[in-house]
Amino acid sequence: MTATPADPECVFCAIAEGRAEASVVFEDDTVVVFMDLHPVNPGHLLVVPRAHAVGLEDLDRVTGARVWTVGHDMARALRASTLRCDGINVVLCDGKAAFQTVFHVHLHVIPRHTGDGWTLPTDPPERAKALRDRDAAAIRDALALVR
């Protein structure tokens, strides 16, 4: 793992260390969960590891598992809360091309409501089976490099 304990220029590190203001929902030794400053809907949460990690490649498996476990707990809490929602999006953007804007890994837990107006691109074209098989083989080959 190439993560560092904290990046003094990173706003999420500052929040995790208590140096910046946030509306904290939950925290433990590994993660902090707080309300998104620019929410899609009220209740939009960010699950952030305390240790600075820019992207998924910088995140160790134990911390990554904790981020997802806490994200699951937050989704359940949103559904049980008085905020109510019709659905939940769980989104992690890894890299600028994937719309990451704060370069410290964070998991969005977004309550959704029918007709709330927020959309993800839909209806991509079907990819031919031969191309999917080729892509699957490339990923299978790479698995040996990352395990």
C-alpha atoms as a PDB file:
ATOM      1  CA  MET A   1       0.000   0.000   0.000  1.00  0.00           C
ATOM      2  CA  THR A   2       1.320   3.448  -0.892  1.00  0.00           C
ATOM      3  CA  ALA A   3      -1.100   5.340   1.349  1.00  0.00           C
ATOM      4  CA  THR A   4       0.333   7.880   3.749  1.00  0.00           C
ATOM      5  CA  PRO A   5      -1.064   8.656   7.210  1.00  0.00           C
ATOM      6  CA  ALA A   6      -2.215  12.127   6.118  1.00  0.00           C
ATOM      7  CA  ASP A   7      -1.742  14.629   3.342  1.00  0.00           C
ATOM      8  CA  PRO A   8      -1.637  18.176   4.770  1.00  0.00           C
ATOM      9  CA  GLU A   9      -3.220  19.550   1.578  1.00  0.00           C
ATOM     10  CA  CYS A  10      -6.114  17.046   1.521  1.00  0.00           C
ATOM     11  CA  VAL A  11      -9.492  18.271   2.784  1.00  0.00           C
ATOM     12  CA  PHE A  12     -10.623  14.735   3.657  1.00  0.00           C
ATOM     13  CA  CYS A  13      -7.465  14.176   5.726  1.00  0.00           C
ATOM     14  CA  ALA A  14      -8.224  17.453   7.500  1.00  0.00           C
ATOM     15  CA  ILE A  15     -11.774  16.284   8.241  1.00  0.00           C
ATOM     16  CA  ALA A  16     -10.543  12.874   9.424  1.00  0.00           C
ATOM     17  CA  GLU A  17      -8.097  14.578  11.787  1.00  0.00           C
ATOM     18  CA  GLY A  18     -10.656  17.105  13.073  1.00  0.00           C
ATOM     19  CA  ARG A  19      -8.848  20.073  11.466  1.00  0.00           C
ATOM     20  CA  ALA A  20     -11.774  20.877   9.147  1.00  0.00           C
ATOM     21  CA  GLU A  21     -15.479  21.146   9.809  1.00  0.00           C
ATOM     22  CA  ALA A  22     -17.861  18.351   8.836  1.00  0.00           C
ATOM     23  CA  SER A  23     -21.202  16.934   9.915  1.00  0.00           C
ATOM     24  CA  VAL A  24     -19.930  13.582  11.151  1.00  0.00           C
ATOM     25  CA  VAL A  25     -22.336  10.633  11.277  1.00  0.00           C
ATOM     26  CA  PHE A  26     -19.929   7.881  12.355  1.00  0.00           C
ATOM     27  CA  GLU A  27     -16.242   7.365  12.997  1.00  0.00           C
ATOM     28  CA  ASP A  28     -13.881   4.668  14.176  1.00  0.00           C
ATOM     29  CA  ASP A  29     -10.139   4.080  13.961  1.00  0.00           C
ATOM     30  CA  THR A  30     -10.317   3.283  10.227  1.00  0.00           C
ATOM     31  CA  VAL A  31     -13.020   5.481   8.658  1.00  0.00           C
ATOM     32  CA  VAL A  32     -15.019   8.635   9.141  1.00  0.00           C
ATOM     33  CA  VAL A  33     -18.485   9.171   7.650  1.00  0.00           C
ATOM     34  CA  PHE A  34     -19.835  12.655   7.062  1.00  0.00           C
ATOM     35  CA  MET A  35     -22.463  14.518   5.075  1.00  0.00           C
ATOM     36  CA  ASP A  36     -21.500  15.521   1.535  1.00  0.00           C
ATOM     37  CA  LEU A  37     -21.073  19.296   1.180  1.00  0.00           C
ATOM     38  CA  HIS A  38     -22.755  19.188  -2.257  1.00  0.00           C
ATOM     39  CA  PRO A  39     -25.347  16.418  -1.879  1.00  0.00           C
ATOM     40  CA  VAL A  40     -27.373  14.856  -4.651  1.00  0.00           C
ATOM     41  CA  ASN A  41     -30.148  14.569  -2.040  1.00  0.00           C
ATOM     42  CA  PRO A  42     -30.390  15.239   1.700  1.00  0.00           C
ATOM     43  CA  GLY A  43     -28.658  12.385   3.510  1.00  0.00           C
ATOM     44  CA  HIS A  44     -25.862  11.980   0.910  1.00  0.00           C
ATOM     45  CA  LEU A  45     -22.921  10.522   2.855  1.00  0.00           C
ATOM     46  CA  LEU A  46     -19.211  10.051   2.244  1.00  0.00           C
ATOM     47  CA  VAL A  47     -17.335   7.125   3.787  1.00  0.00           C
ATOM     48  CA  VAL A  48     -13.659   8.092   3.949  1.00  0.00           C
ATOM     49  CA  PRO A  49     -10.657   6.107   5.187  1.00  0.00           C
ATOM     50  CA  ARG A  50      -8.616   8.019   7.758  1.00  0.00           C
ATOM     51  CA  ALA A  51      -5.327   7.068   6.067  1.00  0.00           C
ATOM     52  CA  HIS A  52      -4.714   9.055   2.895  1.00  0.00           C
ATOM     53  CA  ALA A  53      -5.125   6.962  -0.244  1.00  0.00           C
ATOM     54  CA  VAL A  54      -5.614   8.676  -3.593  1.00  0.00           C
ATOM     55  CA  GLY A  55      -7.300   5.794  -5.408  1.00  0.00           C
ATOM     56  CA  LEU A  56      -8.217   2.146  -5.051  1.00  0.00           C
ATOM     57  CA  GLU A  57      -4.671   1.020  -5.902  1.00  0.00           C
ATOM     58  CA  ASP A  58      -3.458   2.908  -2.826  1.00  0.00           C
ATOM     59  CA  LEU A  59      -5.993   1.303  -0.494  1.00  0.00           C
ATOM     60  CA  ASP A  60      -5.138  -1.866   1.412  1.00  0.00           C
ATOM     61  CA  ARG A  61      -7.720  -4.683   1.432  1.00  0.00           C
ATOM     62  CA  VAL A  62      -8.565  -4.425   5.128  1.00  0.00           C
ATOM     63  CA  THR A  63      -9.289  -0.697   4.901  1.00  0.00           C
ATOM     64  CA  GLY A  64     -11.173  -1.171   1.640  1.00  0.00           C
ATOM     65  CA  ALA A  65     -13.331  -3.856   3.229  1.00  0.00           C
ATOM     66  CA  ARG A  66     -14.061  -1.555   6.169  1.00  0.00           C
ATOM     67  CA  VAL A  67     -15.081   1.280   3.808  1.00  0.00           C
ATOM     68  CA  TRP A  68     -17.573  -1.017   2.036  1.00  0.00           C
ATOM     69  CA  THR A  69     -18.880  -2.549   5.275  1.00  0.00           C
ATOM     70  CA  VAL A  70     -19.512   0.859   6.800  1.00  0.00           C
ATOM     71  CA  GLY A  71     -21.055   2.016   3.515  1.00  0.00           C
ATOM     72  CA  HIS A  72     -23.490  -0.899   3.735  1.00  0.00           C
ATOM     73  CA  ASP A  73     -24.347   0.048   7.320  1.00  0.00           C
ATOM     74  CA  MET A  74     -24.926   3.662   6.229  1.00  0.00           C
ATOM     75  CA  ALA A  75     -27.260   2.559   3.414  1.00  0.00           C
ATOM     76  CA  ARG A  76     -29.287   0.538   5.898  1.00  0.00           C
ATOM     77  CA  ALA A  77     -29.377   3.475   8.313  1.00  0.00           C
ATOM     78  CA  LEU A  78     -30.581   5.822   5.557  1.00  0.00           C
ATOM     79  CA  ARG A  79     -33.471   3.486   4.745  1.00  0.00           C
ATOM     80  CA  ALA A  80     -34.397   3.255   8.454  1.00  0.00           C
ATOM     81  CA  SER A  81     -34.052   6.989   9.109  1.00  0.00           C
ATOM     82  CA  THR A  82     -36.751   9.633   8.961  1.00  0.00           C
ATOM     83  CA  LEU A  83     -35.102  10.891   5.756  1.00  0.00           C
ATOM     84  CA  ARG A  84     -36.545   7.861   3.934  1.00  0.00           C
ATOM     85  CA  CYS A  85     -35.651   7.066   0.346  1.00  0.00           C
ATOM     86  CA  ASP A  86     -36.831   4.923  -2.549  1.00  0.00           C
ATOM     87  CA  GLY A  87     -33.358   3.570  -3.304  1.00  0.00           C
ATOM     88  CA  ILE A  88     -29.631   3.962  -2.661  1.00  0.00           C
ATOM     89  CA  ASN A  89     -26.693   4.529  -4.996  1.00  0.00           C
ATOM     90  CA  VAL A  90     -23.271   3.461  -3.732  1.00  0.00           C
ATOM     91  CA  VAL A  91     -20.628   5.100  -5.917  1.00  0.00           C
ATOM     92  CA  LEU A  92     -16.839   5.229  -5.810  1.00  0.00           C
ATOM     93  CA  CYS A  93     -15.080   7.348  -8.425  1.00  0.00           C
ATOM     94  CA  ASP A  94     -11.454   6.279  -8.969  1.00  0.00           C
ATOM     95  CA  GLY A  95      -9.498   8.765 -11.077  1.00  0.00           C
ATOM     96  CA  LYS A  96     -10.276  11.965 -12.926  1.00  0.00           C
ATOM     97  CA  ALA A  97     -11.704  10.076 -15.929  1.00  0.00           C
ATOM     98  CA  ALA A  98     -14.172   8.436 -13.513  1.00  0.00           C
ATOM     99  CA  PHE A  99     -15.297  11.846 -12.149  1.00  0.00           C
ATOM    100  CA  GLN A 100     -13.182  11.787  -8.965  1.00  0.00           C
ATOM    101  CA  THR A 101     -12.817  15.392  -7.776  1.00  0.00           C
ATOM    102  CA  VAL A 102     -11.263  14.959  -4.315  1.00  0.00           C
ATOM    103  CA  PHE A 103      -8.226  12.722  -4.608  1.00  0.00           C
ATOM    104  CA  HIS A 104      -8.684  10.785  -1.379  1.00  0.00           C
ATOM    105  CA  VAL A 105     -10.679   7.563  -1.756  1.00  0.00           C
ATOM    106  CA  HIS A 106     -14.286   8.048  -0.707  1.00  0.00           C
ATOM    107  CA  LEU A 107     -17.470   6.075  -1.078  1.00  0.00           C
ATOM    108  CA  HIS A 108     -20.666   7.997  -1.801  1.00  0.00           C
ATOM    109  CA  VAL A 109     -23.823   6.590  -0.202  1.00  0.00           C
ATOM    110  CA  ILE A 110     -26.627   8.485  -1.904  1.00  0.00           C
ATOM    111  CA  PRO A 111     -30.302   8.258  -0.952  1.00  0.00           C
ATOM    112  CA  ARG A 112     -32.487   8.319  -4.050  1.00  0.00           C
ATOM    113  CA  HIS A 113     -36.071   9.372  -4.608  1.00  0.00           C
ATOM    114  CA  THR A 114     -38.232   8.625  -7.628  1.00  0.00           C
ATOM    115  CA  GLY A 115     -38.070  11.644  -9.909  1.00  0.00           C
ATOM    116  CA  ASP A 116     -35.209  13.374  -8.043  1.00  0.00           C
ATOM    117  CA  GLY A 117     -33.622  14.262 -11.392  1.00  0.00           C
ATOM    118  CA  TRP A 118     -30.139  12.819 -10.843  1.00  0.00           C
ATOM    119  CA  THR A 119     -29.205  10.358 -13.568  1.00  0.00           C
ATOM    120  CA  LEU A 120     -26.377   8.109 -14.579  1.00  0.00           C
ATOM    121  CA  PRO A 121     -25.709   7.421 -18.256  1.00  0.00           C
ATOM    122  CA  THR A 122     -27.917   4.561 -19.343  1.00  0.00           C
ATOM    123  CA  ASP A 123     -28.541   2.325 -22.327  1.00  0.00           C
ATOM    124  CA  PRO A 124     -24.955   1.690 -23.522  1.00  0.00           C
ATOM    125  CA  PRO A 125     -24.640  -0.357 -26.706  1.00  0.00           C
ATOM    126  CA  GLU A 126     -24.305  -4.139 -26.388  1.00  0.00           C
ATOM    127  CA  ARG A 127     -20.717  -5.420 -26.674  1.00  0.00           C
ATOM    128  CA  ALA A 128     -20.136  -8.474 -28.870  1.00  0.00           C
ATOM    129  CA  LYS A 129     -19.497 -11.773 -27.022  1.00  0.00           C
ATOM    130  CA  ALA A 130     -16.059 -12.226 -28.628  1.00  0.00           C
ATOM    131  CA  LEU A 131     -14.989  -8.802 -27.344  1.00  0.00           C
ATOM    132  CA  ARG A 132     -16.362  -9.506 -23.859  1.00  0.00           C
ATOM    133  CA  ASP A 133     -14.474 -12.820 -23.833  1.00  0.00           C
ATOM    134  CA  ARG A 134     -11.255 -11.052 -24.874  1.00  0.00           C
ATOM    135  CA  ASP A 135     -11.744  -8.437 -22.138  1.00  0.00           C
ATOM    136  CA  ALA A 136     -12.444 -11.154 -19.535  1.00  0.00           C
ATOM    137  CA  ALA A 137      -9.208 -12.943 -20.499  1.00  0.00           C
ATOM    138  CA  ALA A 138      -7.182  -9.736 -20.162  1.00  0.00           C
ATOM    139  CA  ILE A 139      -8.592  -9.139 -16.688  1.00  0.00           C
ATOM    140  CA  ARG A 140      -8.073 -12.775 -15.638  1.00  0.00           C
ATOM    141  CA  ASP A 141      -4.427 -12.517 -16.742  1.00  0.00           C
ATOM    142  CA  ALA A 142      -3.964  -9.322 -14.727  1.00  0.00           C
ATOM    143  CA  LEU A 143      -5.401 -10.872 -11.552  1.00  0.00           C
ATOM    144  CA  ALA A 144      -2.112 -12.691 -10.972  1.00  0.00           C
ATOM    145  CA  LEU A 145      -0.328  -9.333 -10.927  1.00  0.00           C
ATOM    146  CA  VAL A 146      -2.527  -7.754  -8.247  1.00  0.00           C
ATOM    147  CA  ARG A 147      -3.012 -10.607  -5.778  1.00  0.00           C
END
